[in-house]
C-alpha cells in the first residue's frame, strides 16, 4: 500500500511540474521588451538605437516602432520545442510569413530565434525587458 501511495505521489508531482511550464513561460515573457539587435542568416544587424518595442500581455502582442503600433494580434506558446527544448511561439495574424520561431527567456533578456538557438543556423533577435 505504501508503494502505491509513493508511486501515485510521484506521478502527481511529475504531472504538476510539467503542467506549469507553459504558464511559467507565458508569465516570464509578459511585459514590454526593447528590441536590441539581430544576428544570423542574412541578417547581421548590430545594436539598434531605434525605438522599437514588443509589448506582450498573456495573450496579445504589439510591435511598436517610434511610438506607432505596426503589428498586433494574439500569440500562443505551443508544446512544440526546439532541438534544445525551448518553446515555440506563434504570433497569429502576422502580415509577413515567418518560419517557426522559438523563445528563450533569461532574467531580463528575451531571445526569439528561428531554427537552432545559435545564429549560425538561424536568425536571433534580442530584446531587453523595460517594463513588466
N, C-alpha and C. Protein backbone atom coordinates (compact mmCIF):
# COMPACT_ATOMS: atom_id res chain seq x y z
N UNK A 1 0.82 -1.18 0.00
CA UNK A 1 0.00 0.00 0.00
C UNK A 1 0.87 1.26 0.00
N UNK A 2 1.98 1.23 0.78
CA UNK A 2 2.88 2.38 0.80
C UNK A 2 3.48 2.63 -0.58
N UNK A 3 3.82 1.56 -1.29
CA UNK A 3 4.40 1.70 -2.63
C UNK A 3 3.39 2.33 -3.59
N UNK A 4 2.13 1.98 -3.43
CA UNK A 4 1.08 2.55 -4.28
C UNK A 4 0.96 4.06 -4.05
N UNK A 5 0.94 4.46 -2.77
CA UNK A 5 0.86 5.89 -2.46
C UNK A 5 2.10 6.65 -2.92
N UNK A 6 3.26 6.03 -2.78
CA UNK A 6 4.50 6.64 -3.23
C UNK A 6 4.49 6.83 -4.75
N UNK A 7 4.09 5.79 -5.46
CA UNK A 7 4.02 5.87 -6.93
C UNK A 7 3.01 6.93 -7.36
N UNK A 8 1.85 6.94 -6.71
CA UNK A 8 0.83 7.94 -7.03
C UNK A 8 1.33 9.35 -6.75
N UNK A 9 2.03 9.53 -5.63
CA UNK A 9 2.60 10.84 -5.30
C UNK A 9 3.62 11.31 -6.32
N UNK A 10 4.47 10.41 -6.77
CA UNK A 10 5.48 10.75 -7.78
C UNK A 10 4.82 11.14 -9.09
N UNK A 11 3.81 10.39 -9.49
CA UNK A 11 3.10 10.70 -10.74
C UNK A 11 2.42 12.06 -10.65
N UNK A 12 1.75 12.34 -9.54
CA UNK A 12 1.08 13.65 -9.37
C UNK A 12 2.09 14.79 -9.35
N UNK A 13 3.21 14.59 -8.70
CA UNK A 13 4.25 15.62 -8.66
C UNK A 13 4.81 15.89 -10.06
N UNK A 14 5.08 14.83 -10.80
CA UNK A 14 5.58 14.99 -12.17
C UNK A 14 4.55 15.69 -13.04
N UNK A 15 3.28 15.32 -12.92
CA UNK A 15 2.24 15.96 -13.70
C UNK A 15 2.13 17.44 -13.38
N UNK A 16 2.16 17.79 -12.10
CA UNK A 16 2.09 19.19 -11.70
C UNK A 16 3.28 19.97 -12.23
N UNK A 17 4.45 19.38 -12.21
CA UNK A 17 5.66 20.04 -12.72
C UNK A 17 5.54 20.34 -14.20
N UNK A 18 5.12 19.36 -14.99
CA UNK A 18 5.03 19.56 -16.43
C UNK A 18 3.87 20.46 -16.82
N UNK A 19 2.79 20.43 -16.09
CA UNK A 19 1.63 21.23 -16.46
C UNK A 19 1.84 22.71 -16.19
N UNK A 20 2.79 23.10 -15.37
CA UNK A 20 3.03 24.51 -15.04
C UNK A 20 4.06 25.16 -15.94
N UNK A 21 4.77 24.43 -16.74
CA UNK A 21 5.86 25.01 -17.53
C UNK A 21 5.37 26.04 -18.52
N UNK A 22 4.27 25.80 -19.22
CA UNK A 22 3.77 26.76 -20.19
C UNK A 22 3.38 28.05 -19.50
N UNK A 23 2.71 27.95 -18.34
CA UNK A 23 2.34 29.15 -17.59
C UNK A 23 3.58 29.94 -17.18
N UNK A 24 4.64 29.26 -16.76
CA UNK A 24 5.86 29.94 -16.37
C UNK A 24 6.46 30.70 -17.54
N UNK A 25 6.45 30.11 -18.73
CA UNK A 25 6.97 30.80 -19.91
C UNK A 25 6.10 32.00 -20.22
N UNK A 26 4.78 31.83 -20.23
CA UNK A 26 3.89 32.95 -20.51
C UNK A 26 4.11 34.08 -19.51
N UNK A 27 4.18 33.75 -18.23
CA UNK A 27 4.39 34.78 -17.22
C UNK A 27 5.75 35.44 -17.38
N UNK A 28 6.75 34.69 -17.83
CA UNK A 28 8.09 35.23 -17.98
C UNK A 28 8.24 36.20 -19.14
N UNK A 29 7.36 36.10 -20.14
CA UNK A 29 7.51 37.00 -21.29
C UNK A 29 6.54 38.17 -21.27
N UNK A 30 5.58 38.16 -20.36
CA UNK A 30 4.63 39.28 -20.29
C UNK A 30 5.38 40.54 -19.89
N UNK A 31 5.18 41.61 -20.66
CA UNK A 31 5.81 42.88 -20.37
C UNK A 31 6.16 43.62 -21.65
N UNK A 32 6.94 44.65 -21.52
CA UNK A 32 7.39 45.45 -22.66
C UNK A 32 8.87 45.19 -22.86
N UNK A 33 9.23 44.87 -24.10
CA UNK A 33 10.60 44.49 -24.45
C UNK A 33 11.14 45.45 -25.49
N UNK A 34 12.33 45.97 -25.27
CA UNK A 34 13.01 46.84 -26.24
C UNK A 34 13.87 45.99 -27.15
N UNK A 35 13.68 46.19 -28.45
CA UNK A 35 14.50 45.48 -29.43
C UNK A 35 15.93 46.00 -29.37
N UNK A 36 16.88 45.07 -29.31
CA UNK A 36 18.29 45.46 -29.23
C UNK A 36 19.04 45.19 -30.53
N UNK A 37 18.97 43.96 -31.06
CA UNK A 37 19.72 43.63 -32.27
C UNK A 37 19.27 42.28 -32.79
N UNK A 38 19.73 41.95 -34.01
CA UNK A 38 19.51 40.64 -34.63
C UNK A 38 20.81 40.19 -35.25
N UNK A 39 20.96 38.88 -35.33
CA UNK A 39 22.16 38.32 -35.94
C UNK A 39 21.81 36.97 -36.55
N UNK A 40 22.55 36.59 -37.60
CA UNK A 40 22.38 35.28 -38.20
C UNK A 40 21.73 35.33 -39.56
N UNK A 41 21.81 34.21 -40.27
CA UNK A 41 21.22 34.13 -41.60
C UNK A 41 21.79 35.21 -42.50
N UNK A 42 20.93 35.92 -43.16
CA UNK A 42 21.36 37.04 -43.99
C UNK A 42 21.31 38.35 -43.22
N UNK A 43 21.00 38.27 -41.93
CA UNK A 43 20.87 39.45 -41.10
C UNK A 43 22.09 39.55 -40.20
N UNK A 44 22.68 40.70 -40.13
CA UNK A 44 23.77 40.94 -39.20
C UNK A 44 23.68 42.39 -38.75
N UNK A 45 22.68 42.63 -37.95
CA UNK A 45 22.40 43.99 -37.51
C UNK A 45 22.90 44.14 -36.09
N UNK A 46 23.77 45.08 -35.87
CA UNK A 46 24.30 45.33 -34.53
C UNK A 46 23.29 46.04 -33.67
N UNK A 47 23.73 46.60 -32.58
CA UNK A 47 22.81 47.30 -31.67
C UNK A 47 22.05 48.39 -32.40
N UNK A 48 20.78 48.45 -32.11
CA UNK A 48 19.90 49.43 -32.75
C UNK A 48 19.61 50.56 -31.78
N UNK A 49 19.52 51.72 -32.31
CA UNK A 49 19.17 52.89 -31.49
C UNK A 49 17.77 53.37 -31.81
N UNK A 50 17.02 52.53 -32.52
CA UNK A 50 15.65 52.90 -32.85
C UNK A 50 14.77 52.67 -31.63
N UNK A 51 13.57 53.13 -31.72
CA UNK A 51 12.63 53.00 -30.64
C UNK A 51 11.64 51.88 -30.97
N UNK A 52 12.14 50.65 -31.15
CA UNK A 52 11.30 49.51 -31.46
C UNK A 52 11.07 48.69 -30.20
N UNK A 53 9.81 48.33 -29.98
CA UNK A 53 9.45 47.57 -28.80
C UNK A 53 8.46 46.47 -29.17
N UNK A 54 8.40 45.48 -28.30
CA UNK A 54 7.40 44.44 -28.40
C UNK A 54 6.68 44.41 -27.06
N UNK A 55 5.36 44.54 -27.09
CA UNK A 55 4.57 44.51 -25.86
C UNK A 55 3.76 43.22 -25.86
N UNK A 56 3.89 42.46 -24.76
CA UNK A 56 3.21 41.19 -24.64
C UNK A 56 2.35 41.15 -23.38
N UNK A 57 1.07 40.83 -23.56
CA UNK A 57 0.21 40.51 -22.42
C UNK A 57 0.18 38.99 -22.34
N UNK A 58 -0.75 38.44 -21.61
CA UNK A 58 -0.82 36.98 -21.52
C UNK A 58 -1.26 36.35 -22.83
N UNK A 59 -1.95 37.10 -23.70
CA UNK A 59 -2.43 36.51 -24.95
C UNK A 59 -2.19 37.40 -26.18
N UNK A 60 -1.88 38.67 -26.00
CA UNK A 60 -1.78 39.61 -27.13
C UNK A 60 -0.37 40.16 -27.28
N UNK A 61 -0.07 40.58 -28.51
CA UNK A 61 1.22 41.22 -28.78
C UNK A 61 1.00 42.49 -29.57
N UNK A 62 1.96 43.40 -29.45
CA UNK A 62 2.03 44.61 -30.27
C UNK A 62 3.50 44.83 -30.60
N UNK A 63 3.77 45.06 -31.87
CA UNK A 63 5.09 45.51 -32.27
C UNK A 63 4.97 47.00 -32.51
N UNK A 64 5.80 47.77 -31.80
CA UNK A 64 5.71 49.23 -31.82
C UNK A 64 7.03 49.79 -32.33
N UNK A 65 6.94 50.73 -33.27
CA UNK A 65 8.14 51.40 -33.77
C UNK A 65 7.88 52.90 -33.74
N UNK A 66 8.78 53.62 -33.09
CA UNK A 66 8.66 55.08 -32.96
C UNK A 66 7.29 55.49 -32.43
N UNK A 67 6.78 54.72 -31.45
CA UNK A 67 5.52 55.05 -30.80
C UNK A 67 4.28 54.62 -31.54
N UNK A 68 4.42 54.05 -32.73
CA UNK A 68 3.28 53.62 -33.53
C UNK A 68 3.18 52.10 -33.57
N UNK A 69 1.98 51.57 -33.40
CA UNK A 69 1.78 50.12 -33.49
C UNK A 69 1.86 49.73 -34.97
N UNK A 70 2.82 48.86 -35.30
CA UNK A 70 2.98 48.43 -36.69
C UNK A 70 2.38 47.04 -36.92
N UNK A 71 2.23 46.24 -35.87
CA UNK A 71 1.58 44.93 -35.95
C UNK A 71 0.99 44.61 -34.60
N UNK A 72 -0.15 43.91 -34.60
CA UNK A 72 -0.73 43.46 -33.34
C UNK A 72 -1.58 42.23 -33.60
N UNK A 73 -1.85 41.51 -32.55
CA UNK A 73 -2.66 40.30 -32.66
C UNK A 73 -2.52 39.48 -31.40
N UNK A 74 -2.80 38.20 -31.54
CA UNK A 74 -2.65 37.28 -30.41
C UNK A 74 -1.44 36.38 -30.67
N UNK A 75 -0.94 35.80 -29.60
CA UNK A 75 0.15 34.83 -29.72
C UNK A 75 -0.15 33.66 -28.82
N UNK A 76 0.55 32.58 -29.07
CA UNK A 76 0.42 31.43 -28.18
C UNK A 76 1.76 30.72 -28.08
N UNK A 77 1.99 30.13 -26.93
CA UNK A 77 3.15 29.29 -26.68
C UNK A 77 2.67 27.86 -26.86
N UNK A 78 3.32 27.10 -27.74
CA UNK A 78 2.87 25.74 -28.00
C UNK A 78 3.71 24.73 -27.23
N UNK A 79 3.29 23.50 -27.29
CA UNK A 79 4.04 22.41 -26.66
C UNK A 79 5.23 21.99 -27.52
N UNK A 80 5.27 22.45 -28.76
CA UNK A 80 6.39 22.11 -29.65
C UNK A 80 7.67 22.77 -29.13
N UNK A 81 8.76 22.04 -29.18
CA UNK A 81 10.03 22.53 -28.65
C UNK A 81 11.08 22.57 -29.77
N UNK A 82 12.08 23.44 -29.57
CA UNK A 82 13.23 23.48 -30.47
C UNK A 82 14.10 22.27 -30.16
N UNK A 83 15.17 22.13 -30.89
CA UNK A 83 16.07 20.98 -30.68
C UNK A 83 16.63 20.94 -29.26
N UNK A 84 16.69 22.09 -28.59
CA UNK A 84 17.24 22.08 -27.22
C UNK A 84 16.18 22.37 -26.15
N UNK A 85 14.91 22.23 -26.51
CA UNK A 85 13.84 22.31 -25.51
C UNK A 85 13.21 23.66 -25.30
N UNK A 86 13.55 24.68 -26.10
CA UNK A 86 12.92 25.99 -25.96
C UNK A 86 11.55 25.96 -26.63
N UNK A 87 10.54 26.60 -26.03
CA UNK A 87 9.18 26.53 -26.57
C UNK A 87 8.99 27.38 -27.83
N UNK A 88 8.05 26.92 -28.65
CA UNK A 88 7.71 27.65 -29.87
C UNK A 88 6.68 28.72 -29.55
N UNK A 89 6.84 29.88 -30.17
CA UNK A 89 5.86 30.96 -30.05
C UNK A 89 5.28 31.22 -31.44
N UNK A 90 3.97 31.40 -31.49
CA UNK A 90 3.29 31.71 -32.75
C UNK A 90 2.60 33.05 -32.59
N UNK A 91 3.02 34.01 -33.40
CA UNK A 91 2.36 35.31 -33.44
C UNK A 91 1.27 35.21 -34.50
N UNK A 92 0.03 35.04 -34.07
CA UNK A 92 -1.06 34.85 -35.01
C UNK A 92 -1.46 36.18 -35.66
N UNK A 93 -1.78 36.11 -36.93
CA UNK A 93 -2.21 37.31 -37.63
C UNK A 93 -1.08 38.18 -38.14
N UNK A 94 0.14 37.65 -38.18
CA UNK A 94 1.26 38.44 -38.69
C UNK A 94 1.07 38.70 -40.17
N UNK A 95 1.52 39.85 -40.61
CA UNK A 95 1.35 40.23 -42.00
C UNK A 95 2.42 39.62 -42.90
N UNK A 96 3.52 39.18 -42.32
CA UNK A 96 4.58 38.57 -43.13
C UNK A 96 4.75 37.11 -42.74
N UNK A 97 5.14 36.29 -43.69
CA UNK A 97 5.35 34.87 -43.46
C UNK A 97 6.69 34.67 -42.77
N UNK A 98 6.67 34.07 -41.59
CA UNK A 98 7.88 33.86 -40.81
C UNK A 98 7.97 32.38 -40.47
N UNK A 99 9.17 31.79 -40.61
CA UNK A 99 9.32 30.38 -40.21
C UNK A 99 9.07 30.20 -38.72
N UNK A 100 9.10 28.96 -38.28
CA UNK A 100 8.87 28.66 -36.87
C UNK A 100 9.83 29.45 -35.99
N UNK A 101 9.27 30.07 -34.95
CA UNK A 101 10.06 30.86 -34.01
C UNK A 101 9.99 30.23 -32.63
N UNK A 102 11.10 30.31 -31.92
CA UNK A 102 11.20 29.78 -30.57
C UNK A 102 11.70 30.89 -29.66
N UNK A 103 11.46 30.74 -28.36
CA UNK A 103 11.86 31.78 -27.42
C UNK A 103 12.70 31.22 -26.29
N UNK A 104 13.55 32.11 -25.78
CA UNK A 104 14.35 31.80 -24.61
C UNK A 104 14.32 33.05 -23.73
N UNK A 105 13.91 32.89 -22.48
CA UNK A 105 13.86 34.00 -21.52
C UNK A 105 14.88 33.73 -20.44
N UNK A 106 15.73 34.71 -20.19
CA UNK A 106 16.73 34.59 -19.14
C UNK A 106 16.80 35.93 -18.42
N UNK A 107 16.20 35.97 -17.24
CA UNK A 107 16.10 37.19 -16.44
C UNK A 107 15.43 38.28 -17.25
N UNK A 108 16.11 39.37 -17.59
CA UNK A 108 15.51 40.47 -18.34
C UNK A 108 15.90 40.45 -19.80
N UNK A 109 16.30 39.30 -20.30
CA UNK A 109 16.68 39.14 -21.71
C UNK A 109 15.73 38.16 -22.37
N UNK A 110 15.32 38.49 -23.58
CA UNK A 110 14.46 37.62 -24.37
C UNK A 110 15.11 37.43 -25.73
N UNK A 111 15.22 36.19 -26.16
CA UNK A 111 15.73 35.88 -27.48
C UNK A 111 14.64 35.16 -28.24
N UNK A 112 14.35 35.65 -29.43
CA UNK A 112 13.43 34.96 -30.34
C UNK A 112 14.29 34.48 -31.50
N UNK A 113 14.22 33.17 -31.77
CA UNK A 113 15.08 32.64 -32.82
C UNK A 113 14.34 31.71 -33.75
N UNK A 114 14.87 31.61 -34.96
CA UNK A 114 14.37 30.72 -35.99
C UNK A 114 15.40 29.62 -36.15
N UNK A 115 14.96 28.38 -36.17
CA UNK A 115 15.91 27.28 -36.29
C UNK A 115 16.56 27.00 -34.96
N UNK A 116 17.83 26.76 -34.96
CA UNK A 116 18.57 26.48 -33.72
C UNK A 116 18.84 27.79 -32.99
N UNK A 117 19.07 27.68 -31.70
CA UNK A 117 19.30 28.90 -30.90
C UNK A 117 20.76 29.33 -30.96
N UNK A 118 21.35 29.21 -32.13
CA UNK A 118 22.67 29.77 -32.40
C UNK A 118 22.58 30.45 -33.76
N UNK A 119 23.15 31.61 -33.86
CA UNK A 119 22.98 32.44 -35.05
C UNK A 119 23.47 31.77 -36.33
N UNK A 120 24.42 30.85 -36.24
CA UNK A 120 24.94 30.20 -37.43
C UNK A 120 23.88 29.37 -38.15
N UNK A 121 22.89 28.90 -37.42
CA UNK A 121 21.86 28.04 -38.01
C UNK A 121 20.52 28.74 -38.19
N UNK A 122 20.41 29.99 -37.87
CA UNK A 122 19.15 30.70 -37.98
C UNK A 122 19.35 32.16 -37.66
N UNK A 123 18.26 32.83 -37.37
CA UNK A 123 18.30 34.25 -37.03
C UNK A 123 17.88 34.40 -35.57
N UNK A 124 18.61 35.19 -34.83
CA UNK A 124 18.27 35.51 -33.45
C UNK A 124 17.97 36.99 -33.33
N UNK A 125 16.92 37.32 -32.60
CA UNK A 125 16.61 38.71 -32.27
C UNK A 125 16.62 38.84 -30.76
N UNK A 126 17.29 39.89 -30.28
CA UNK A 126 17.48 40.09 -28.85
C UNK A 126 16.67 41.27 -28.36
N UNK A 127 16.05 41.06 -27.19
CA UNK A 127 15.24 42.09 -26.55
C UNK A 127 15.65 42.21 -25.09
N UNK A 128 15.46 43.39 -24.52
CA UNK A 128 15.68 43.63 -23.10
C UNK A 128 14.39 44.12 -22.49
N UNK A 129 14.03 43.57 -21.33
CA UNK A 129 12.78 43.98 -20.66
C UNK A 129 12.93 45.42 -20.16
N UNK A 130 11.91 46.22 -20.46
CA UNK A 130 11.92 47.60 -19.94
C UNK A 130 10.75 47.83 -19.00
N UNK A 131 9.77 46.92 -19.00
CA UNK A 131 8.62 47.07 -18.13
C UNK A 131 7.90 45.73 -18.00
N UNK A 132 7.39 45.45 -16.79
CA UNK A 132 6.57 44.23 -16.60
C UNK A 132 5.13 44.51 -16.95
